[in-house]
Amino acid sequence: MADIASTDVTVTINSPKDLTRRRRFHLVTIAFGNGTKTIPSGGLVPLPDKSLFGMATIDDMIILGGGAGYVVEYVPASHSLIIYKANYPAAADGPLIAAAGVAIAATSIRAVVLGK
């Protein structure tokens, strides 16, 4: 199966706000997954260009909840989302692990994006 690429991720700006002339925050919806493409190595889903978030630079992204039972976190160094899933060994609950290689169903998450 093919991995999810940045071109497979859709960003919708729901509520753009200017804090000052140099600072912005936008409420966005990030949609990805289709049940056939898999999460790439390391659990990192690459995001499209920052301009699609309405920003020249992104300082931080606050994820509002998870998607489809997964825990999602923004990784600024690679401008990507890391997707975690539960690790359930036979004996007991395990820690969250990167969901690499998982074919994730269509998922939408909301986030607050802070930047310029």
PDB file of N, CA and C in Angstrom:
ATOM      1  N   MET A   1       0.829  -1.183   0.000  1.00  0.00           N
ATOM      2  CA  MET A   1       0.000   0.000   0.000  1.00  0.00           C
ATOM      3  C   MET A   1       0.873   1.245   0.000  1.00  0.00           C
ATOM      4  N   ALA A   2       0.349   2.295  -0.574  1.00  0.00           N
ATOM      5  CA  ALA A   2       1.075   3.564  -0.617  1.00  0.00           C
ATOM      6  C   ALA A   2       0.877   4.327   0.687  1.00  0.00           C
ATOM      7  N   ASP A   3       1.877   5.133   1.040  1.00  0.00           N
ATOM      8  CA  ASP A   3       1.800   5.970   2.232  1.00  0.00           C
ATOM      9  C   ASP A   3       1.043   7.255   1.945  1.00  0.00           C
ATOM     10  N   ILE A   4       0.476   7.835   2.998  1.00  0.00           N
ATOM     11  CA  ILE A   4      -0.164   9.147   2.902  1.00  0.00           C
ATOM     12  C   ILE A   4       0.921  10.180   2.613  1.00  0.00           C
ATOM     13  N   ALA A   5       0.709  11.027   1.625  1.00  0.00           N
ATOM     14  CA  ALA A   5       1.636  12.105   1.279  1.00  0.00           C
ATOM     15  C   ALA A   5       0.998  13.443   1.636  1.00  0.00           C
ATOM     16  N   SER A   6       1.794  14.495   1.627  1.00  0.00           N
ATOM     17  CA  SER A   6       1.262  15.821   1.959  1.00  0.00           C
ATOM     18  C   SER A   6       0.156  16.234   0.997  1.00  0.00           C
ATOM     19  N   THR A   7       0.188  15.729  -0.234  1.00  0.00           N
ATOM     20  CA  THR A   7      -0.856  16.053  -1.207  1.00  0.00           C
ATOM     21  C   THR A   7      -2.167  15.338  -0.902  1.00  0.00           C
ATOM     22  N   ASP A   8      -2.142  14.367   0.017  1.00  0.00           N
ATOM     23  CA  ASP A   8      -3.349  13.662   0.432  1.00  0.00           C
ATOM     24  C   ASP A   8      -4.005  14.303   1.652  1.00  0.00           C
ATOM     25  N   VAL A   9      -3.431  15.396   2.139  1.00  0.00           N
ATOM     26  CA  VAL A   9      -3.933  16.082   3.326  1.00  0.00           C
ATOM     27  C   VAL A   9      -4.625  17.369   2.883  1.00  0.00           C
ATOM     28  N   THR A  10      -5.850  17.576   3.360  1.00  0.00           N
ATOM     29  CA  THR A  10      -6.619  18.769   3.027  1.00  0.00           C
ATOM     30  C   THR A  10      -6.716  19.660   4.264  1.00  0.00           C
ATOM     31  N   VAL A  11      -6.463  20.958   4.085  1.00  0.00           N
ATOM     32  CA  VAL A  11      -6.566  21.918   5.175  1.00  0.00           C
ATOM     33  C   VAL A  11      -7.676  22.907   4.839  1.00  0.00           C
ATOM     34  N   THR A  12      -8.593  23.101   5.781  1.00  0.00           N
ATOM     35  CA  THR A  12      -9.658  24.084   5.631  1.00  0.00           C
ATOM     36  C   THR A  12      -9.521  25.089   6.756  1.00  0.00           C
ATOM     37  N   ILE A  13      -9.382  26.366   6.420  1.00  0.00           N
ATOM     38  CA  ILE A  13      -9.306  27.415   7.436  1.00  0.00           C
ATOM     39  C   ILE A  13     -10.733  27.790   7.804  1.00  0.00           C
ATOM     40  N   ASN A  14     -11.110  27.539   9.058  1.00  0.00           N
ATOM     41  CA  ASN A  14     -12.476  27.786   9.513  1.00  0.00           C
ATOM     42  C   ASN A  14     -12.659  29.171  10.097  1.00  0.00           C
ATOM     43  N   SER A  15     -11.650  29.657  10.792  1.00  0.00           N
ATOM     44  CA  SER A  15     -11.801  30.927  11.498  1.00  0.00           C
ATOM     45  C   SER A  15     -10.457  31.630  11.607  1.00  0.00           C
ATOM     46  N   PRO A  16     -10.109  32.472  10.616  1.00  0.00           N
ATOM     47  CA  PRO A  16      -8.837  33.210  10.712  1.00  0.00           C
ATOM     48  C   PRO A  16      -8.966  34.403  11.660  1.00  0.00           C
ATOM     49  N   LYS A  17      -7.964  34.594  12.469  1.00  0.00           N
ATOM     50  CA  LYS A  17      -7.938  35.728  13.410  1.00  0.00           C
ATOM     51  C   LYS A  17      -6.542  36.330  13.425  1.00  0.00           C
ATOM     52  N   ASP A  18      -6.473  37.638  13.462  1.00  0.00           N
ATOM     53  CA  ASP A  18      -5.207  38.338  13.642  1.00  0.00           C
ATOM     54  C   ASP A  18      -5.124  38.796  15.086  1.00  0.00           C
ATOM     55  N   LEU A  19      -4.080  38.354  15.780  1.00  0.00           N
ATOM     56  CA  LEU A  19      -3.861  38.808  17.152  1.00  0.00           C
ATOM     57  C   LEU A  19      -3.254  40.204  17.146  1.00  0.00           C
ATOM     58  N   THR A  20      -2.230  40.367  16.342  1.00  0.00           N
ATOM     59  CA  THR A  20      -1.587  41.667  16.121  1.00  0.00           C
ATOM     60  C   THR A  20      -1.246  41.709  14.633  1.00  0.00           C
ATOM     61  N   ARG A  21      -0.560  42.734  14.208  1.00  0.00           N
ATOM     62  CA  ARG A  21      -0.165  42.796  12.800  1.00  0.00           C
ATOM     63  C   ARG A  21       0.824  41.693  12.443  1.00  0.00           C
ATOM     64  N   ARG A  22       1.487  41.126  13.442  1.00  0.00           N
ATOM     65  CA  ARG A  22       2.498  40.109  13.164  1.00  0.00           C
ATOM     66  C   ARG A  22       2.156  38.721  13.691  1.00  0.00           C
ATOM     67  N   ARG A  23       1.071  38.579  14.412  1.00  0.00           N
ATOM     68  CA  ARG A  23       0.704  37.275  14.988  1.00  0.00           C
ATOM     69  C   ARG A  23      -0.719  36.917  14.576  1.00  0.00           C
ATOM     70  N   ARG A  24      -0.919  35.651  14.217  1.00  0.00           N
ATOM     71  CA  ARG A  24      -2.228  35.162  13.814  1.00  0.00           C
ATOM     72  C   ARG A  24      -2.521  33.840  14.515  1.00  0.00           C
ATOM     73  N   PHE A  25      -3.799  33.545  14.623  1.00  0.00           N
ATOM     74  CA  PHE A  25      -4.189  32.186  14.946  1.00  0.00           C
ATOM     75  C   PHE A  25      -5.391  31.833  14.100  1.00  0.00           C
ATOM     76  N   HIS A  26      -5.378  30.628  13.589  1.00  0.00           N
ATOM     77  CA  HIS A  26      -6.449  30.141  12.736  1.00  0.00           C
ATOM     78  C   HIS A  26      -6.973  28.834  13.292  1.00  0.00           C
ATOM     79  N   LEU A  27      -8.286  28.704  13.324  1.00  0.00           N
ATOM     80  CA  LEU A  27      -8.900  27.422  13.621  1.00  0.00           C
ATOM     81  C   LEU A  27      -9.039  26.697  12.290  1.00  0.00           C
ATOM     82  N   VAL A  28      -8.448  25.507  12.179  1.00  0.00           N
ATOM     83  CA  VAL A  28      -8.437  24.773  10.915  1.00  0.00           C
ATOM     84  C   VAL A  28      -8.965  23.353  11.116  1.00  0.00           C
ATOM     85  N   THR A  29      -9.373  22.761  10.010  1.00  0.00           N
ATOM     86  CA  THR A  29      -9.702  21.346   9.970  1.00  0.00           C
ATOM     87  C   THR A  29      -8.700  20.682   9.041  1.00  0.00           C
ATOM     88  N   ILE A  30      -8.082  19.622   9.518  1.00  0.00           N
ATOM     89  CA  ILE A  30      -7.093  18.877   8.737  1.00  0.00           C
ATOM     90  C   ILE A  30      -7.692  17.497   8.457  1.00  0.00           C
ATOM     91  N   ALA A  31      -7.850  17.169   7.187  1.00  0.00           N
ATOM     92  CA  ALA A  31      -8.455  15.884   6.802  1.00  0.00           C
ATOM     93  C   ALA A  31      -7.426  15.032   6.069  1.00  0.00           C
ATOM     94  N   PHE A  32      -7.393  13.746   6.395  1.00  0.00           N
ATOM     95  CA  PHE A  32      -6.469  12.816   5.741  1.00  0.00           C
ATOM     96  C   PHE A  32      -6.998  11.399   5.917  1.00  0.00           C
ATOM     97  N   GLY A  33      -6.410  10.477   5.205  1.00  0.00           N
ATOM     98  CA  GLY A  33      -6.777   9.070   5.294  1.00  0.00           C
ATOM     99  C   GLY A  33      -7.947   8.734   4.386  1.00  0.00           C
ATOM    100  N   ASN A  34      -7.923   7.491   3.879  1.00  0.00           N
ATOM    101  CA  ASN A  34      -9.021   7.025   3.032  1.00  0.00           C
ATOM    102  C   ASN A  34      -9.246   5.521   3.192  1.00  0.00           C
ATOM    103  N   GLY A  35      -8.598   4.936   4.174  1.00  0.00           N
ATOM    104  CA  GLY A  35      -8.768   3.516   4.417  1.00  0.00           C
ATOM    105  C   GLY A  35      -7.845   2.618   3.608  1.00  0.00           C
ATOM    106  N   THR A  36      -7.154   3.199   2.615  1.00  0.00           N
ATOM    107  CA  THR A  36      -6.235   2.381   1.818  1.00  0.00           C
ATOM    108  C   THR A  36      -4.791   2.848   1.944  1.00  0.00           C
ATOM    109  N   LYS A  37      -4.563   4.156   1.986  1.00  0.00           N
ATOM    110  CA  LYS A  37      -3.188   4.652   2.154  1.00  0.00           C
ATOM    111  C   LYS A  37      -2.785   4.543   3.615  1.00  0.00           C
ATOM    112  N   THR A  38      -1.522   4.233   3.842  1.00  0.00           N
ATOM    113  CA  THR A  38      -1.043   3.970   5.195  1.00  0.00           C
ATOM    114  C   THR A  38      -0.270   5.162   5.762  1.00  0.00           C
ATOM    115  N   ILE A  39      -0.176   5.162   7.084  1.00  0.00           N
ATOM    116  CA  ILE A  39       0.611   6.176   7.779  1.00  0.00           C
ATOM    117  C   ILE A  39       2.081   5.842   7.540  1.00  0.00           C
ATOM    118  N   PRO A  40       2.880   6.830   7.112  1.00  0.00           N
ATOM    119  CA  PRO A  40       4.288   6.572   6.795  1.00  0.00           C
ATOM    120  C   PRO A  40       5.113   6.138   8.011  1.00  0.00           C
ATOM    121  N   SER A  41       6.338   5.761   7.736  1.00  0.00           N
ATOM    122  CA  SER A  41       7.296   5.329   8.740  1.00  0.00           C
ATOM    123  C   SER A  41       7.399   6.347   9.869  1.00  0.00           C
ATOM    124  N   GLY A  42       7.483   5.869  11.089  1.00  0.00           N
ATOM    125  CA  GLY A  42       7.606   6.743  12.252  1.00  0.00           C
ATOM    126  C   GLY A  42       6.280   7.325  12.694  1.00  0.00           C
ATOM    127  N   GLY A  43       5.191   6.999  11.975  1.00  0.00           N
ATOM    128  CA  GLY A  43       3.877   7.529  12.331  1.00  0.00           C
ATOM    129  C   GLY A  43       3.674   8.972  11.927  1.00  0.00           C
ATOM    130  N   LEU A  44       4.575   9.509  11.079  1.00  0.00           N
ATOM    131  CA  LEU A  44       4.530  10.919  10.703  1.00  0.00           C
ATOM    132  C   LEU A  44       3.764  11.138   9.404  1.00  0.00           C
ATOM    133  N   VAL A  45       2.674  11.882   9.489  1.00  0.00           N
ATOM    134  CA  VAL A  45       1.897  12.264   8.310  1.00  0.00           C
ATOM    135  C   VAL A  45       2.376  13.654   7.886  1.00  0.00           C
ATOM    136  N   PRO A  46       2.979  13.774   6.704  1.00  0.00           N
ATOM    137  CA  PRO A  46       3.476  15.088   6.271  1.00  0.00           C
ATOM    138  C   PRO A  46       2.323  16.038   5.966  1.00  0.00           C
ATOM    139  N   LEU A  47       2.488  17.280   6.359  1.00  0.00           N
ATOM    140  CA  LEU A  47       1.463  18.291   6.118  1.00  0.00           C
ATOM    141  C   LEU A  47       1.786  19.087   4.859  1.00  0.00           C
ATOM    142  N   PRO A  48       0.770  19.660   4.219  1.00  0.00           N
ATOM    143  CA  PRO A  48       1.023  20.499   3.046  1.00  0.00           C
ATOM    144  C   PRO A  48       1.703  21.804   3.448  1.00  0.00           C
ATOM    145  N   ASP A  49       2.062  22.582   2.459  1.00  0.00           N
ATOM    146  CA  ASP A  49       2.781  23.833   2.677  1.00  0.00           C
ATOM    147  C   ASP A  49       2.072  24.726   3.701  1.00  0.00           C
ATOM    148  N   LYS A  50       2.863  25.439   4.471  1.00  0.00           N
ATOM    149  CA  LYS A  50       2.340  26.311   5.528  1.00  0.00           C
ATOM    150  C   LYS A  50       1.398  27.374   4.985  1.00  0.00           C
ATOM    151  N   SER A  51       1.569  27.756   3.741  1.00  0.00           N
ATOM    152  CA  SER A  51       0.696  28.776   3.154  1.00  0.00           C
ATOM    153  C   SER A  51      -0.760  28.304   3.097  1.00  0.00           C
ATOM    154  N   LEU A  52      -0.985  26.993   3.015  1.00  0.00           N
ATOM    155  CA  LEU A  52      -2.355  26.481   3.004  1.00  0.00           C
ATOM    156  C   LEU A  52      -3.030  26.623   4.365  1.00  0.00           C
ATOM    157  N   PHE A  53      -2.234  26.883   5.395  1.00  0.00           N
ATOM    158  CA  PHE A  53      -2.776  27.169   6.719  1.00  0.00           C
ATOM    159  C   PHE A  53      -2.998  28.670   6.897  1.00  0.00           C
ATOM    160  N   GLY A  54      -2.702  29.448   5.848  1.00  0.00           N
ATOM    161  CA  GLY A  54      -2.840  30.893   5.915  1.00  0.00           C
ATOM    162  C   GLY A  54      -1.694  31.575   6.636  1.00  0.00           C
ATOM    163  N   MET A  55      -0.543  30.923   6.665  1.00  0.00           N
ATOM    164  CA  MET A  55       0.614  31.420   7.414  1.00  0.00           C
ATOM    165  C   MET A  55       1.882  31.339   6.561  1.00  0.00           C
ATOM    166  N   ALA A  56       2.787  32.272   6.798  1.00  0.00           N
ATOM    167  CA  ALA A  56       4.120  32.167   6.201  1.00  0.00           C
ATOM    168  C   ALA A  56       4.992  31.269   7.077  1.00  0.00           C
ATOM    169  N   THR A  57       4.807  31.373   8.391  1.00  0.00           N
ATOM    170  CA  THR A  57       5.507  30.509   9.341  1.00  0.00           C
ATOM    171  C   THR A  57       4.515  30.013  10.381  1.00  0.00           C
ATOM    172  N   ILE A  58       4.715  28.802  10.849  1.00  0.00           N
ATOM    173  CA  ILE A  58       3.878  28.238  11.908  1.00  0.00           C
ATOM    174  C   ILE A  58       4.745  28.080  13.146  1.00  0.00           C
ATOM    175  N   ASP A  59       4.334  28.756  14.229  1.00  0.00           N
ATOM    176  CA  ASP A  59       5.063  28.660  15.487  1.00  0.00           C
ATOM    177  C   ASP A  59       4.638  27.450  16.298  1.00  0.00           C
ATOM    178  N   ASP A  60       3.343  27.148  16.279  1.00  0.00           N
ATOM    179  CA  ASP A  60       2.846  26.012  17.029  1.00  0.00           C
ATOM    180  C   ASP A  60       1.467  25.623  16.508  1.00  0.00           C
ATOM    181  N   MET A  61       1.073  24.410  16.815  1.00  0.00           N
ATOM    182  CA  MET A  61      -0.242  23.922  16.432  1.00  0.00           C
ATOM    183  C   MET A  61      -0.793  23.143  17.617  1.00  0.00           C
ATOM    184  N   ILE A  62      -1.981  23.506  18.045  1.00  0.00           N
ATOM    185  CA  ILE A  62      -2.635  22.835  19.160  1.00  0.00           C
ATOM    186  C   ILE A  62      -3.731  21.957  18.574  1.00  0.00           C
ATOM    187  N   ILE A  63      -3.590  20.659  18.729  1.00  0.00           N
ATOM    188  CA  ILE A  63      -4.563  19.710  18.205  1.00  0.00           C
ATOM    189  C   ILE A  63      -5.720  19.619  19.193  1.00  0.00           C
ATOM    190  N   LEU A  64      -6.928  19.772  18.694  1.00  0.00           N
ATOM    191  CA  LEU A  64      -8.130  19.732  19.533  1.00  0.00           C
ATOM    192  C   LEU A  64      -8.758  18.338  19.432  1.00  0.00           C
ATOM    193  N   GLY A  65      -8.306  17.431  20.262  1.00  0.00           N
ATOM    194  CA  GLY A  65      -8.820  16.059  20.235  1.00  0.00           C
ATOM    195  C   GLY A  65      -8.066  15.203  19.242  1.00  0.00           C
ATOM    196  N   GLY A  66      -8.401  13.941  19.219  1.00  0.00           N
ATOM    197  CA  GLY A  66      -7.764  13.009  18.298  1.00  0.00           C
ATOM    198  C   GLY A  66      -8.662  12.746  17.110  1.00  0.00           C
ATOM    199  N   GLY A  67      -8.300  11.764  16.351  1.00  0.00           N
ATOM    200  CA  GLY A  67      -9.100  11.402  15.200  1.00  0.00           C
ATOM    201  C   GLY A  67      -9.235   9.899  15.113  1.00  0.00           C
ATOM    202  N   ALA A  68     -10.445   9.405  15.003  1.00  0.00           N
ATOM    203  CA  ALA A  68     -10.723   7.976  14.823  1.00  0.00           C
ATOM    204  C   ALA A  68     -10.074   7.108  15.900  1.00  0.00           C
ATOM    205  N   GLY A  69     -10.007   7.611  17.133  1.00  0.00           N
ATOM    206  CA  GLY A  69      -9.432   6.830  18.221  1.00  0.00           C
ATOM    207  C   GLY A  69      -7.929   6.940  18.351  1.00  0.00           C
ATOM    208  N   TYR A  70      -7.300   7.777  17.556  1.00  0.00           N
ATOM    209  CA  TYR A  70      -5.857   7.965  17.604  1.00  0.00           C
ATOM    210  C   TYR A  70      -5.529   9.243  18.366  1.00  0.00           C
ATOM    211  N   VAL A  71      -4.322   9.324  18.883  1.00  0.00           N
ATOM    212  CA  VAL A  71      -3.812  10.540  19.510  1.00  0.00           C
ATOM    213  C   VAL A  71      -2.906  11.208  18.483  1.00  0.00           C
ATOM    214  N   VAL A  72      -3.103  12.512  18.298  1.00  0.00           N
ATOM    215  CA  VAL A  72      -2.391  13.240  17.252  1.00  0.00           C
ATOM    216  C   VAL A  72      -1.594  14.379  17.885  1.00  0.00           C
ATOM    217  N   GLU A  73      -0.359  14.567  17.407  1.00  0.00           N
ATOM    218  CA  GLU A  73       0.509  15.637  17.915  1.00  0.00           C
ATOM    219  C   GLU A  73       1.234  16.286  16.739  1.00  0.00           C
ATOM    220  N   TYR A  74       1.407  17.616  16.806  1.00  0.00           N
ATOM    221  CA  TYR A  74       2.142  18.340  15.766  1.00  0.00           C
ATOM    222  C   TYR A  74       3.631  18.257  16.047  1.00  0.00           C
ATOM    223  N   VAL A  75       4.420  18.018  14.990  1.00  0.00           N
ATOM    224  CA  VAL A  75       5.880  17.957  15.100  1.00  0.00           C
ATOM    225  C   VAL A  75       6.446  19.124  14.279  1.00  0.00           C
ATOM    226  N   PRO A  76       6.833  20.235  14.940  1.00  0.00           N
ATOM    227  CA  PRO A  76       7.291  21.417  14.204  1.00  0.00           C
ATOM    228  C   PRO A  76       8.544  21.175  13.364  1.00  0.00           C
ATOM    229  N   ALA A  77       9.461  20.353  13.855  1.00  0.00           N
ATOM    230  CA  ALA A  77      10.730  20.140  13.147  1.00  0.00           C
ATOM    231  C   ALA A  77      10.526  19.594  11.743  1.00  0.00           C
ATOM    232  N   SER A  78       9.512  18.758  11.558  1.00  0.00           N
ATOM    233  CA  SER A  78       9.271  18.168  10.241  1.00  0.00           C
ATOM    234  C   SER A  78       7.958  18.640   9.613  1.00  0.00           C
ATOM    235  N   HIS A  79       7.270  19.585  10.259  1.00  0.00           N
ATOM    236  CA  HIS A  79       5.963  20.083   9.807  1.00  0.00           C
ATOM    237  C   HIS A  79       5.083  18.900   9.418  1.00  0.00           C
ATOM    238  N   SER A  80       4.826  18.069  10.430  1.00  0.00           N
ATOM    239  CA  SER A  80       4.022  16.871  10.213  1.00  0.00           C
ATOM    240  C   SER A  80       3.214  16.571  11.471  1.00  0.00           C
ATOM    241  N   LEU A  81       2.295  15.638  11.330  1.00  0.00           N
ATOM    242  CA  LEU A  81       1.539  15.138  12.473  1.00  0.00           C
ATOM    243  C   LEU A  81       2.040  13.753  12.798  1.00  0.00           C
ATOM    244  N   ILE A  82       2.258  13.484  14.078  1.00  0.00           N
ATOM    245  CA  ILE A  82       2.578  12.122  14.477  1.00  0.00           C
ATOM    246  C   ILE A  82       1.298  11.513  15.035  1.00  0.00           C
ATOM    247  N   ILE A  83       1.009  10.323  14.563  1.00  0.00           N
ATOM    248  CA  ILE A  83      -0.211   9.618  14.944  1.00  0.00           C
ATOM    249  C   ILE A  83       0.170   8.468  15.869  1.00  0.00           C
ATOM    250  N   TYR A  84      -0.432   8.453  17.052  1.00  0.00           N
ATOM    251  CA  TYR A  84      -0.181   7.387  18.025  1.00  0.00           C
ATOM    252  C   TYR A  84      -1.402   6.485  18.139  1.00  0.00           C
ATOM    253  N   LYS A  85      -1.148   5.215  18.413  1.00  0.00           N
ATOM    254  CA  LYS A  85      -2.228   4.270  18.683  1.00  0.00           C
ATOM    255  C   LYS A  85      -1.884   3.513  19.956  1.00  0.00           C
ATOM    256  N   ALA A  86      -2.896   2.869  20.530  1.00  0.00           N
ATOM    257  CA  ALA A  86      -2.678   2.085  21.740  1.00  0.00           C
ATOM    258  C   ALA A  86      -1.930   0.808  21.393  1.00  0.00           C
ATOM    259  N   ASN A  87      -1.076   0.395  22.311  1.00  0.00           N
ATOM    260  CA  ASN A  87      -0.328  -0.857  22.162  1.00  0.00           C
ATOM    261  C   ASN A  87      -0.860  -1.810  23.226  1.00  0.00           C
ATOM    262  N   TYR A  88      -1.604  -2.808  22.780  1.00  0.00           N
ATOM    263  CA  TYR A  88      -2.222  -3.734  23.717  1.00  0.00           C
ATOM    264  C   TYR A  88      -1.574  -5.104  23.637  1.00  0.00           C
ATOM    265  N   PRO A  89      -0.513  -5.343  24.418  1.00  0.00           N
ATOM    266  CA  PRO A  89       0.041  -6.695  24.453  1.00  0.00           C
ATOM    267  C   PRO A  89      -0.945  -7.621  25.182  1.00  0.00           C
ATOM    268  N   ALA A  90      -0.734  -8.898  25.077  1.00  0.00           N
ATOM    269  CA  ALA A  90      -1.667  -9.874  25.642  1.00  0.00           C
ATOM    270  C   ALA A  90      -1.853  -9.738  27.153  1.00  0.00           C
ATOM    271  N   ALA A  91      -0.792  -9.381  27.876  1.00  0.00           N
ATOM    272  CA  ALA A  91      -0.858  -9.375  29.336  1.00  0.00           C
ATOM    273  C   ALA A  91      -1.508  -8.117  29.920  1.00  0.00           C
ATOM    274  N   ALA A  92      -1.229  -6.962  29.352  1.00  0.00           N
ATOM    275  CA  ALA A  92      -1.730  -5.716  29.949  1.00  0.00           C
ATOM    276  C   ALA A  92      -1.701  -4.603  28.907  1.00  0.00           C
ATOM    277  N   ASP A  93      -2.297  -3.491  29.289  1.00  0.00           N
ATOM    278  CA  ASP A  93      -2.245  -2.318  28.413  1.00  0.00           C
ATOM    279  C   ASP A  93      -0.811  -1.853  28.280  1.00  0.00           C
ATOM    280  N   GLY A  94      -0.469  -1.380  27.092  1.00  0.00           N
ATOM    281  CA  GLY A  94       0.880  -0.887  26.851  1.00  0.00           C
ATOM    282  C   GLY A  94       0.868   0.609  26.591  1.00  0.00           C
ATOM    283  N   PRO A  95       2.011   1.168  26.321  1.00  0.00           N
ATOM    284  CA  PRO A  95       2.102   2.598  26.038  1.00  0.00           C
ATOM    285  C   PRO A  95       1.594   2.898  24.623  1.00  0.00           C
ATOM    286  N   LEU A  96       1.383   4.175  24.349  1.00  0.00           N
ATOM    287  CA  LEU A  96       1.037   4.583  22.993  1.00  0.00           C
ATOM    288  C   LEU A  96       2.269   4.422  22.108  1.00  0.00           C
ATOM    289  N   ILE A  97       2.045   3.983  20.866  1.00  0.00           N
ATOM    290  CA  ILE A  97       3.145   3.817  19.919  1.00  0.00           C
ATOM    291  C   ILE A  97       2.772   4.486  18.603  1.00  0.00           C
ATOM    292  N   ALA A  98       3.773   4.818  17.798  1.00  0.00           N
ATOM    293  CA  ALA A  98       3.534   5.413  16.486  1.00  0.00           C
ATOM    294  C   ALA A  98       2.760   4.428  15.623  1.00  0.00           C
ATOM    295  N   ALA A  99       1.776   4.936  14.899  1.00  0.00           N
ATOM    296  CA  ALA A  99       0.872   4.088  14.104  1.00  0.00           C
ATOM    297  C   ALA A  99       1.381   3.875  12.687  1.00  0.00           C
ATOM    298  N   ALA A 100       2.674   3.660  12.511  1.00  0.00           N
ATOM    299  CA  ALA A 100       3.253   3.478  11.179  1.00  0.00           C
ATOM    300  C   ALA A 100       2.683   2.237  10.509  1.00  0.00           C
ATOM    301  N   GLY A 101       2.402   2.362   9.214  1.00  0.00           N
ATOM    302  CA  GLY A 101       1.921   1.231   8.432  1.00  0.00           C
ATOM    303  C   GLY A 101       0.441   0.949   8.567  1.00  0.00           C
ATOM    304  N   VAL A 102      -0.289   1.748   9.359  1.00  0.00           N
ATOM    305  CA  VAL A 102      -1.721   1.546   9.555  1.00  0.00           C
ATOM    306  C   VAL A 102      -2.482   2.276   8.454  1.00  0.00           C
ATOM    307  N   ALA A 103      -3.435   1.589   7.834  1.00  0.00           N
ATOM    308  CA  ALA A 103      -4.310   2.229   6.846  1.00  0.00           C
ATOM    309  C   ALA A 103      -5.439   2.893   7.621  1.00  0.00           C
ATOM    310  N   ILE A 104      -5.352   4.204   7.768  1.00  0.00           N
ATOM    311  CA  ILE A 104      -6.302   4.951   8.587  1.00  0.00           C
ATOM    312  C   ILE A 104      -7.505   5.368   7.735  1.00  0.00           C
ATOM    313  N   ALA A 105      -8.693   5.236   8.318  1.00  0.00           N
ATOM    314  CA  ALA A 105      -9.917   5.649   7.628  1.00  0.00           C
ATOM    315  C   ALA A 105      -9.932   7.173   7.497  1.00  0.00           C
ATOM    316  N   ALA A 106     -10.830   7.683   6.677  1.00  0.00           N
ATOM    317  CA  ALA A 106     -10.966   9.132   6.513  1.00  0.00           C
ATOM    318  C   ALA A 106     -11.141   9.783   7.880  1.00  0.00           C
ATOM    319  N   THR A 107     -10.261  10.710   8.190  1.00  0.00           N
ATOM    320  CA  THR A 107     -10.199  11.333   9.503  1.00  0.00           C
ATOM    321  C   THR A 107     -10.094  12.838   9.371  1.00  0.00           C
ATOM    322  N   SER A 108     -10.828  13.558  10.206  1.00  0.00           N
ATOM    323  CA  SER A 108     -10.721  15.013  10.264  1.00  0.00           C
ATOM    324  C   SER A 108     -10.419  15.406  11.702  1.00  0.00           C
ATOM    325  N   ILE A 109      -9.439  16.262  11.859  1.00  0.00           N
ATOM    326  CA  ILE A 109      -9.123  16.790  13.185  1.00  0.00           C
ATOM    327  C   ILE A 109      -9.168  18.297  13.129  1.00  0.00           C
ATOM    328  N   ARG A 110      -9.460  18.907  14.238  1.00  0.00           N
ATOM    329  CA  ARG A 110      -9.437  20.377  14.323  1.00  0.00           C
ATOM    330  C   ARG A 110      -8.193  20.782  15.089  1.00  0.00           C
ATOM    331  N   ALA A 111      -7.661  21.957  14.708  1.00  0.00           N
ATOM    332  CA  ALA A 111      -6.454  22.454  15.361  1.00  0.00           C
ATOM    333  C   ALA A 111      -6.462  23.970  15.375  1.00  0.00           C
ATOM    334  N   VAL A 112      -5.765  24.526  16.333  1.00  0.00           N
ATOM    335  CA  VAL A 112      -5.488  25.964  16.364  1.00  0.00           C
ATOM    336  C   VAL A 112      -4.055  26.134  15.909  1.00  0.00           C
ATOM    337  N   VAL A 113      -3.855  26.929  14.872  1.00  0.00           N
ATOM    338  CA  VAL A 113      -2.524  27.161  14.324  1.00  0.00           C
ATOM    339  C   VAL A 113      -2.093  28.570  14.704  1.00  0.00           C
ATOM    340  N   LEU A 114      -0.898  28.678  15.295  1.00  0.00           N
ATOM    341  CA  LEU A 114      -0.340  29.965  15.704  1.00  0.00           C
ATOM    342  C   LEU A 114       0.863  30.280  14.829  1.00  0.00           C
ATOM    343  N   GLY A 115       0.921  31.474  14.298  1.00  0.00           N
ATOM    344  CA  GLY A 115       2.047  31.819  13.446  1.00  0.00           C
ATOM    345  C   GLY A 115       1.972  33.238  12.938  1.00  0.00           C
ATOM    346  N   LYS A 116       2.664  33.445  11.798  1.00  0.00           N
ATOM    347  CA  LYS A 116       2.739  34.765  11.186  1.00  0.00           C
ATOM    348  C   LYS A 116       2.368  34.667   9.738  1.00  0.00           C
TER     349      LYS A 116
END
